[in-house]
Amino acid sequence: MKLRDLSGKKLINIKTGRVLGTVRDTDLVFETNTGSIESIIFQQKGLKGEKYIVIPVGAIKQVGTRVILVDLNE
């Protein structure tokens, strides 16, 4: 899967059932020693401005055709 394949998918926290937003702009955080992806940063835009959500790769539980399910403590 490529990073651009995540664009447009809804991000849902499976612990709360809450829709965190739709994936638009994303950044990756790499582990410097191994080069592996450590986390993905999603930009969340709303009425109160912009907010960034950092999701560790291990918290991503399922990537579907329309949604990404994550397991986060909010």
PDB file of N, CA and C in Angstrom:
ATOM      1  N   MET A   1       0.839  -1.171   0.000  1.00  0.00           N
ATOM      2  CA  MET A   1       0.000   0.000   0.000  1.00  0.00           C
ATOM      3  C   MET A   1       0.887   1.238   0.000  1.00  0.00           C
ATOM      4  N   LYS A   2       0.484   2.222  -0.741  1.00  0.00           N
ATOM      5  CA  LYS A   2       1.214   3.478  -0.801  1.00  0.00           C
ATOM      6  C   LYS A   2       0.523   4.515   0.079  1.00  0.00           C
ATOM      7  N   LEU A   3       1.285   5.496   0.522  1.00  0.00           N
ATOM      8  CA  LEU A   3       0.742   6.528   1.394  1.00  0.00           C
ATOM      9  C   LEU A   3      -0.440   7.233   0.746  1.00  0.00           C
ATOM     10  N   ARG A   4      -0.379   7.471  -0.539  1.00  0.00           N
ATOM     11  CA  ARG A   4      -1.481   8.163  -1.228  1.00  0.00           C
ATOM     12  C   ARG A   4      -2.770   7.339  -1.219  1.00  0.00           C
ATOM     13  N   ASP A   5      -2.666   6.020  -1.022  1.00  0.00           N
ATOM     14  CA  ASP A   5      -3.853   5.162  -0.961  1.00  0.00           C
ATOM     15  C   ASP A   5      -4.685   5.415   0.300  1.00  0.00           C
ATOM     16  N   LEU A   6      -4.102   6.054   1.294  1.00  0.00           N
ATOM     17  CA  LEU A   6      -4.828   6.358   2.532  1.00  0.00           C
ATOM     18  C   LEU A   6      -5.711   7.592   2.383  1.00  0.00           C
ATOM     19  N   SER A   7      -5.396   8.445   1.432  1.00  0.00           N
ATOM     20  CA  SER A   7      -6.115   9.705   1.250  1.00  0.00           C
ATOM     21  C   SER A   7      -7.600   9.479   0.984  1.00  0.00           C
ATOM     22  N   GLY A   8      -8.434  10.257   1.667  1.00  0.00           N
ATOM     23  CA  GLY A   8      -9.882  10.192   1.499  1.00  0.00           C
ATOM     24  C   GLY A   8     -10.577   9.190   2.405  1.00  0.00           C
ATOM     25  N   LYS A   9      -9.827   8.369   3.121  1.00  0.00           N
ATOM     26  CA  LYS A   9     -10.435   7.379   4.020  1.00  0.00           C
ATOM     27  C   LYS A   9     -10.786   8.025   5.357  1.00  0.00           C
ATOM     28  N   LYS A  10     -11.886   7.595   5.942  1.00  0.00           N
ATOM     29  CA  LYS A  10     -12.262   8.067   7.277  1.00  0.00           C
ATOM     30  C   LYS A  10     -11.425   7.324   8.311  1.00  0.00           C
ATOM     31  N   LEU A  11     -11.020   8.048   9.335  1.00  0.00           N
ATOM     32  CA  LEU A  11     -10.206   7.512  10.411  1.00  0.00           C
ATOM     33  C   LEU A  11     -11.114   7.316  11.619  1.00  0.00           C
ATOM     34  N   ILE A  12     -11.264   6.058  12.090  1.00  0.00           N
ATOM     35  CA  ILE A  12     -12.199   5.748  13.173  1.00  0.00           C
ATOM     36  C   ILE A  12     -11.462   5.060  14.316  1.00  0.00           C
ATOM     37  N   ASN A  13     -11.692   5.570  15.534  1.00  0.00           N
ATOM     38  CA  ASN A  13     -11.115   4.965  16.730  1.00  0.00           C
ATOM     39  C   ASN A  13     -12.042   3.840  17.189  1.00  0.00           C
ATOM     40  N   ILE A  14     -11.538   2.602  17.216  1.00  0.00           N
ATOM     41  CA  ILE A  14     -12.399   1.468  17.569  1.00  0.00           C
ATOM     42  C   ILE A  14     -12.762   1.437  19.053  1.00  0.00           C
ATOM     43  N   LYS A  15     -11.989   2.133  19.903  1.00  0.00           N
ATOM     44  CA  LYS A  15     -12.323   2.154  21.334  1.00  0.00           C
ATOM     45  C   LYS A  15     -13.541   3.009  21.621  1.00  0.00           C
ATOM     46  N   THR A  16     -13.688   4.105  20.870  1.00  0.00           N
ATOM     47  CA  THR A  16     -14.774   5.046  21.146  1.00  0.00           C
ATOM     48  C   THR A  16     -15.831   5.069  20.052  1.00  0.00           C
ATOM     49  N   GLY A  17     -15.499   4.546  18.876  1.00  0.00           N
ATOM     50  CA  GLY A  17     -16.407   4.615  17.738  1.00  0.00           C
ATOM     51  C   GLY A  17     -16.413   5.980  17.079  1.00  0.00           C
ATOM     52  N   ARG A  18     -15.571   6.863  17.566  1.00  0.00           N
ATOM     53  CA  ARG A  18     -15.528   8.246  17.090  1.00  0.00           C
ATOM     54  C   ARG A  18     -14.790   8.358  15.748  1.00  0.00           C
ATOM     55  N   VAL A  19     -15.376   9.128  14.843  1.00  0.00           N
ATOM     56  CA  VAL A  19     -14.705   9.438  13.582  1.00  0.00           C
ATOM     57  C   VAL A  19     -13.741  10.587  13.859  1.00  0.00           C
ATOM     58  N   LEU A  20     -12.462  10.333  13.651  1.00  0.00           N
ATOM     59  CA  LEU A  20     -11.443  11.331  13.931  1.00  0.00           C
ATOM     60  C   LEU A  20     -11.274  12.313  12.789  1.00  0.00           C
ATOM     61  N   GLY A  21     -11.752  11.950  11.624  1.00  0.00           N
ATOM     62  CA  GLY A  21     -11.644  12.824  10.464  1.00  0.00           C
ATOM     63  C   GLY A  21     -11.370  12.021   9.211  1.00  0.00           C
ATOM     64  N   THR A  22     -11.136  12.733   8.140  1.00  0.00           N
ATOM     65  CA  THR A  22     -10.804  12.123   6.865  1.00  0.00           C
ATOM     66  C   THR A  22      -9.345  12.394   6.563  1.00  0.00           C
ATOM     67  N   VAL A  23      -8.654  11.387   6.118  1.00  0.00           N
ATOM     68  CA  VAL A  23      -7.233  11.519   5.829  1.00  0.00           C
ATOM     69  C   VAL A  23      -7.049  12.432   4.621  1.00  0.00           C
ATOM     70  N   ARG A  24      -6.314  13.484   4.811  1.00  0.00           N
ATOM     71  CA  ARG A  24      -5.967  14.405   3.728  1.00  0.00           C
ATOM     72  C   ARG A  24      -4.449  14.521   3.655  1.00  0.00           C
ATOM     73  N   ASP A  25      -3.906  15.397   4.477  1.00  0.00           N
ATOM     74  CA  ASP A  25      -2.459  15.606   4.510  1.00  0.00           C
ATOM     75  C   ASP A  25      -1.854  14.690   5.558  1.00  0.00           C
ATOM     76  N   THR A  26      -0.835  13.955   5.186  1.00  0.00           N
ATOM     77  CA  THR A  26      -0.191  13.036   6.121  1.00  0.00           C
ATOM     78  C   THR A  26       1.318  13.195   6.072  1.00  0.00           C
ATOM     79  N   ASP A  27       1.940  12.883   7.176  1.00  0.00           N
ATOM     80  CA  ASP A  27       3.395  12.827   7.277  1.00  0.00           C
ATOM     81  C   ASP A  27       3.764  11.515   7.940  1.00  0.00           C
ATOM     82  N   LEU A  28       4.950  11.040   7.659  1.00  0.00           N
ATOM     83  CA  LEU A  28       5.459   9.825   8.273  1.00  0.00           C
ATOM     84  C   LEU A  28       6.602  10.158   9.211  1.00  0.00           C
ATOM     85  N   VAL A  29       6.684   9.418  10.322  1.00  0.00           N
ATOM     86  CA  VAL A  29       7.805   9.530  11.251  1.00  0.00           C
ATOM     87  C   VAL A  29       8.576   8.224  11.172  1.00  0.00           C
ATOM     88  N   PHE A  30       9.873   8.330  10.896  1.00  0.00           N
ATOM     89  CA  PHE A  30      10.718   7.149  10.750  1.00  0.00           C
ATOM     90  C   PHE A  30      11.597   6.952  11.968  1.00  0.00           C
ATOM     91  N   GLU A  31      11.881   5.709  12.292  1.00  0.00           N
ATOM     92  CA  GLU A  31      12.851   5.362  13.332  1.00  0.00           C
ATOM     93  C   GLU A  31      14.222   5.543  12.688  1.00  0.00           C
ATOM     94  N   THR A  32      15.058   6.383  13.288  1.00  0.00           N
ATOM     95  CA  THR A  32      16.305   6.775  12.632  1.00  0.00           C
ATOM     96  C   THR A  32      17.308   5.636  12.474  1.00  0.00           C
ATOM     97  N   ASN A  33      17.333   4.690  13.389  1.00  0.00           N
ATOM     98  CA  ASN A  33      18.323   3.613  13.304  1.00  0.00           C
ATOM     99  C   ASN A  33      17.950   2.544  12.281  1.00  0.00           C
ATOM    100  N   THR A  34      16.666   2.232  12.173  1.00  0.00           N
ATOM    101  CA  THR A  34      16.249   1.143  11.287  1.00  0.00           C
ATOM    102  C   THR A  34      15.603   1.626   9.994  1.00  0.00           C
ATOM    103  N   GLY A  35      15.112   2.858   9.991  1.00  0.00           N
ATOM    104  CA  GLY A  35      14.424   3.378   8.814  1.00  0.00           C
ATOM    105  C   GLY A  35      12.985   2.914   8.699  1.00  0.00           C
ATOM    106  N   SER A  36      12.496   2.199   9.703  1.00  0.00           N
ATOM    107  CA  SER A  36      11.107   1.722   9.654  1.00  0.00           C
ATOM    108  C   SER A  36      10.146   2.838  10.064  1.00  0.00           C
ATOM    109  N   ILE A  37       8.912   2.730   9.589  1.00  0.00           N
ATOM    110  CA  ILE A  37       7.895   3.733   9.920  1.00  0.00           C
ATOM    111  C   ILE A  37       7.480   3.539  11.368  1.00  0.00           C
ATOM    112  N   GLU A  38       7.528   4.620  12.125  1.00  0.00           N
ATOM    113  CA  GLU A  38       7.181   4.592  13.544  1.00  0.00           C
ATOM    114  C   GLU A  38       5.748   5.047  13.773  1.00  0.00           C
ATOM    115  N   SER A  39       5.347   6.116  13.084  1.00  0.00           N
ATOM    116  CA  SER A  39       3.992   6.628  13.235  1.00  0.00           C
ATOM    117  C   SER A  39       3.600   7.448  12.008  1.00  0.00           C
ATOM    118  N   ILE A  40       2.311   7.705  11.925  1.00  0.00           N
ATOM    119  CA  ILE A  40       1.748   8.511  10.848  1.00  0.00           C
ATOM    120  C   ILE A  40       1.060   9.704  11.495  1.00  0.00           C
ATOM    121  N   ILE A  41       1.302  10.884  10.956  1.00  0.00           N
ATOM    122  CA  ILE A  41       0.692  12.105  11.486  1.00  0.00           C
ATOM    123  C   ILE A  41      -0.385  12.556  10.511  1.00  0.00           C
ATOM    124  N   PHE A  42      -1.620  12.661  11.022  1.00  0.00           N
ATOM    125  CA  PHE A  42      -2.750  13.114  10.227  1.00  0.00           C
ATOM    126  C   PHE A  42      -3.137  14.513  10.655  1.00  0.00           C
ATOM    127  N   GLN A  43      -3.435  15.352   9.688  1.00  0.00           N
ATOM    128  CA  GLN A  43      -3.898  16.703   9.989  1.00  0.00           C
ATOM    129  C   GLN A  43      -5.415  16.679  10.045  1.00  0.00           C
ATOM    130  N   GLN A  44      -5.955  17.187  11.143  1.00  0.00           N
ATOM    131  CA  GLN A  44      -7.405  17.212  11.338  1.00  0.00           C
ATOM    132  C   GLN A  44      -7.846  18.671  11.314  1.00  0.00           C
ATOM    133  N   LYS A  45      -8.726  19.004  10.372  1.00  0.00           N
ATOM    134  CA  LYS A  45      -9.226  20.373  10.270  1.00  0.00           C
ATOM    135  C   LYS A  45     -10.656  20.412  10.769  1.00  0.00           C
ATOM    136  N   GLY A  46     -10.975  21.454  11.522  1.00  0.00           N
ATOM    137  CA  GLY A  46     -12.321  21.591  12.052  1.00  0.00           C
ATOM    138  C   GLY A  46     -12.658  23.038  12.297  1.00  0.00           C
ATOM    139  N   LEU A  47     -13.759  23.261  12.946  1.00  0.00           N
ATOM    140  CA  LEU A  47     -14.195  24.626  13.232  1.00  0.00           C
ATOM    141  C   LEU A  47     -13.253  25.354  14.183  1.00  0.00           C
ATOM    142  N   LYS A  48     -12.557  24.597  15.009  1.00  0.00           N
ATOM    143  CA  LYS A  48     -11.646  25.190  15.987  1.00  0.00           C
ATOM    144  C   LYS A  48     -10.222  25.297  15.455  1.00  0.00           C
ATOM    145  N   GLY A  49     -10.039  25.088  14.162  1.00  0.00           N
ATOM    146  CA  GLY A  49      -8.707  25.184  13.578  1.00  0.00           C
ATOM    147  C   GLY A  49      -8.137  23.817  13.248  1.00  0.00           C
ATOM    148  N   GLU A  50      -6.831  23.791  13.108  1.00  0.00           N
ATOM    149  CA  GLU A  50      -6.147  22.553  12.746  1.00  0.00           C
ATOM    150  C   GLU A  50      -5.575  21.864  13.973  1.00  0.00           C
ATOM    151  N   LYS A  51      -5.565  20.550  13.911  1.00  0.00           N
ATOM    152  CA  LYS A  51      -5.024  19.725  14.977  1.00  0.00           C
ATOM    153  C   LYS A  51      -4.305  18.556  14.314  1.00  0.00           C
ATOM    154  N   TYR A  52      -3.279  18.067  14.954  1.00  0.00           N
ATOM    155  CA  TYR A  52      -2.538  16.942  14.400  1.00  0.00           C
ATOM    156  C   TYR A  52      -2.721  15.721  15.294  1.00  0.00           C
ATOM    157  N   ILE A  53      -2.959  14.580  14.664  1.00  0.00           N
ATOM    158  CA  ILE A  53      -3.128  13.329  15.390  1.00  0.00           C
ATOM    159  C   ILE A  53      -1.955  12.430  15.015  1.00  0.00           C
ATOM    160  N   VAL A  54      -1.203  11.996  16.023  1.00  0.00           N
ATOM    161  CA  VAL A  54      -0.078  11.098  15.799  1.00  0.00           C
ATOM    162  C   VAL A  54      -0.552   9.680  16.104  1.00  0.00           C
ATOM    163  N   ILE A  55      -0.470   8.814  15.118  1.00  0.00           N
ATOM    164  CA  ILE A  55      -0.936   7.443  15.279  1.00  0.00           C
ATOM    165  C   ILE A  55       0.247   6.493  15.103  1.00  0.00           C
ATOM    166  N   PRO A  56       0.621   5.810  16.188  1.00  0.00           N
ATOM    167  CA  PRO A  56       1.684   4.800  16.049  1.00  0.00           C
ATOM    168  C   PRO A  56       1.242   3.713  15.072  1.00  0.00           C
ATOM    169  N   VAL A  57       2.164   3.207  14.300  1.00  0.00           N
ATOM    170  CA  VAL A  57       1.836   2.189  13.304  1.00  0.00           C
ATOM    171  C   VAL A  57       1.144   0.989  13.950  1.00  0.00           C
ATOM    172  N   GLY A  58       1.543   0.622  15.154  1.00  0.00           N
ATOM    173  CA  GLY A  58       0.933  -0.507  15.857  1.00  0.00           C
ATOM    174  C   GLY A  58      -0.524  -0.282  16.227  1.00  0.00           C
ATOM    175  N   ALA A  59      -0.974   0.979  16.232  1.00  0.00           N
ATOM    176  CA  ALA A  59      -2.361   1.289  16.577  1.00  0.00           C
ATOM    177  C   ALA A  59      -3.300   1.144  15.379  1.00  0.00           C
ATOM    178  N   ILE A  60      -2.742   1.039  14.186  1.00  0.00           N
ATOM    179  CA  ILE A  60      -3.576   0.847  12.997  1.00  0.00           C
ATOM    180  C   ILE A  60      -3.965  -0.630  12.928  1.00  0.00           C
ATOM    181  N   LYS A  61      -5.245  -0.886  13.064  1.00  0.00           N
ATOM    182  CA  LYS A  61      -5.732  -2.266  13.142  1.00  0.00           C
ATOM    183  C   LYS A  61      -6.248  -2.799  11.815  1.00  0.00           C
ATOM    184  N   GLN A  62      -6.833  -1.928  10.998  1.00  0.00           N
ATOM    185  CA  GLN A  62      -7.398  -2.392   9.725  1.00  0.00           C
ATOM    186  C   GLN A  62      -7.474  -1.214   8.765  1.00  0.00           C
ATOM    187  N   VAL A  63      -7.107  -1.456   7.525  1.00  0.00           N
ATOM    188  CA  VAL A  63      -7.277  -0.465   6.472  1.00  0.00           C
ATOM    189  C   VAL A  63      -8.238  -1.060   5.458  1.00  0.00           C
ATOM    190  N   GLY A  64      -9.394  -0.433   5.360  1.00  0.00           N
ATOM    191  CA  GLY A  64     -10.408  -0.911   4.423  1.00  0.00           C
ATOM    192  C   GLY A  64     -10.476  -0.019   3.198  1.00  0.00           C
ATOM    193  N   THR A  65     -11.498  -0.243   2.382  1.00  0.00           N
ATOM    194  CA  THR A  65     -11.634   0.552   1.167  1.00  0.00           C
ATOM    195  C   THR A  65     -12.092   1.979   1.452  1.00  0.00           C
ATOM    196  N   ARG A  66     -12.790   2.185   2.578  1.00  0.00           N
ATOM    197  CA  ARG A  66     -13.303   3.518   2.916  1.00  0.00           C
ATOM    198  C   ARG A  66     -12.869   4.032   4.284  1.00  0.00           C
ATOM    199  N   VAL A  67     -12.423   3.133   5.160  1.00  0.00           N
ATOM    200  CA  VAL A  67     -12.066   3.548   6.519  1.00  0.00           C
ATOM    201  C   VAL A  67     -10.753   2.934   6.965  1.00  0.00           C
ATOM    202  N   ILE A  68     -10.154   3.596   7.958  1.00  0.00           N
ATOM    203  CA  ILE A  68      -8.981   3.081   8.654  1.00  0.00           C
ATOM    204  C   ILE A  68      -9.369   2.967  10.112  1.00  0.00           C
ATOM    205  N   LEU A  69      -9.274   1.761  10.678  1.00  0.00           N
ATOM    206  CA  LEU A  69      -9.603   1.551  12.084  1.00  0.00           C
ATOM    207  C   LEU A  69      -8.341   1.607  12.912  1.00  0.00           C
ATOM    208  N   VAL A  70      -8.381   2.448  13.961  1.00  0.00           N
ATOM    209  CA  VAL A  70      -7.232   2.592  14.848  1.00  0.00           C
ATOM    210  C   VAL A  70      -7.659   2.351  16.283  1.00  0.00           C
ATOM    211  N   ASP A  71      -6.721   1.933  17.106  1.00  0.00           N
ATOM    212  CA  ASP A  71      -6.967   1.649  18.525  1.00  0.00           C
ATOM    213  C   ASP A  71      -6.165   2.664  19.333  1.00  0.00           C
ATOM    214  N   LEU A  72      -6.833   3.768  19.720  1.00  0.00           N
ATOM    215  CA  LEU A  72      -6.155   4.862  20.415  1.00  0.00           C
ATOM    216  C   LEU A  72      -6.811   5.164  21.754  1.00  0.00           C
ATOM    217  N   ASN A  73      -5.999   5.554  22.722  1.00  0.00           N
ATOM    218  CA  ASN A  73      -6.520   6.116  23.966  1.00  0.00           C
ATOM    219  C   ASN A  73      -6.615   7.619  23.761  1.00  0.00           C
ATOM    220  N   GLU A  74      -7.838   8.136  23.811  1.00  0.00           N
ATOM    221  CA  GLU A  74      -8.015   9.587  23.577  1.00  0.00           C
ATOM    222  C   GLU A  74      -8.124  10.318  24.883  1.00  0.00           C
TER     223      GLU A  74
END
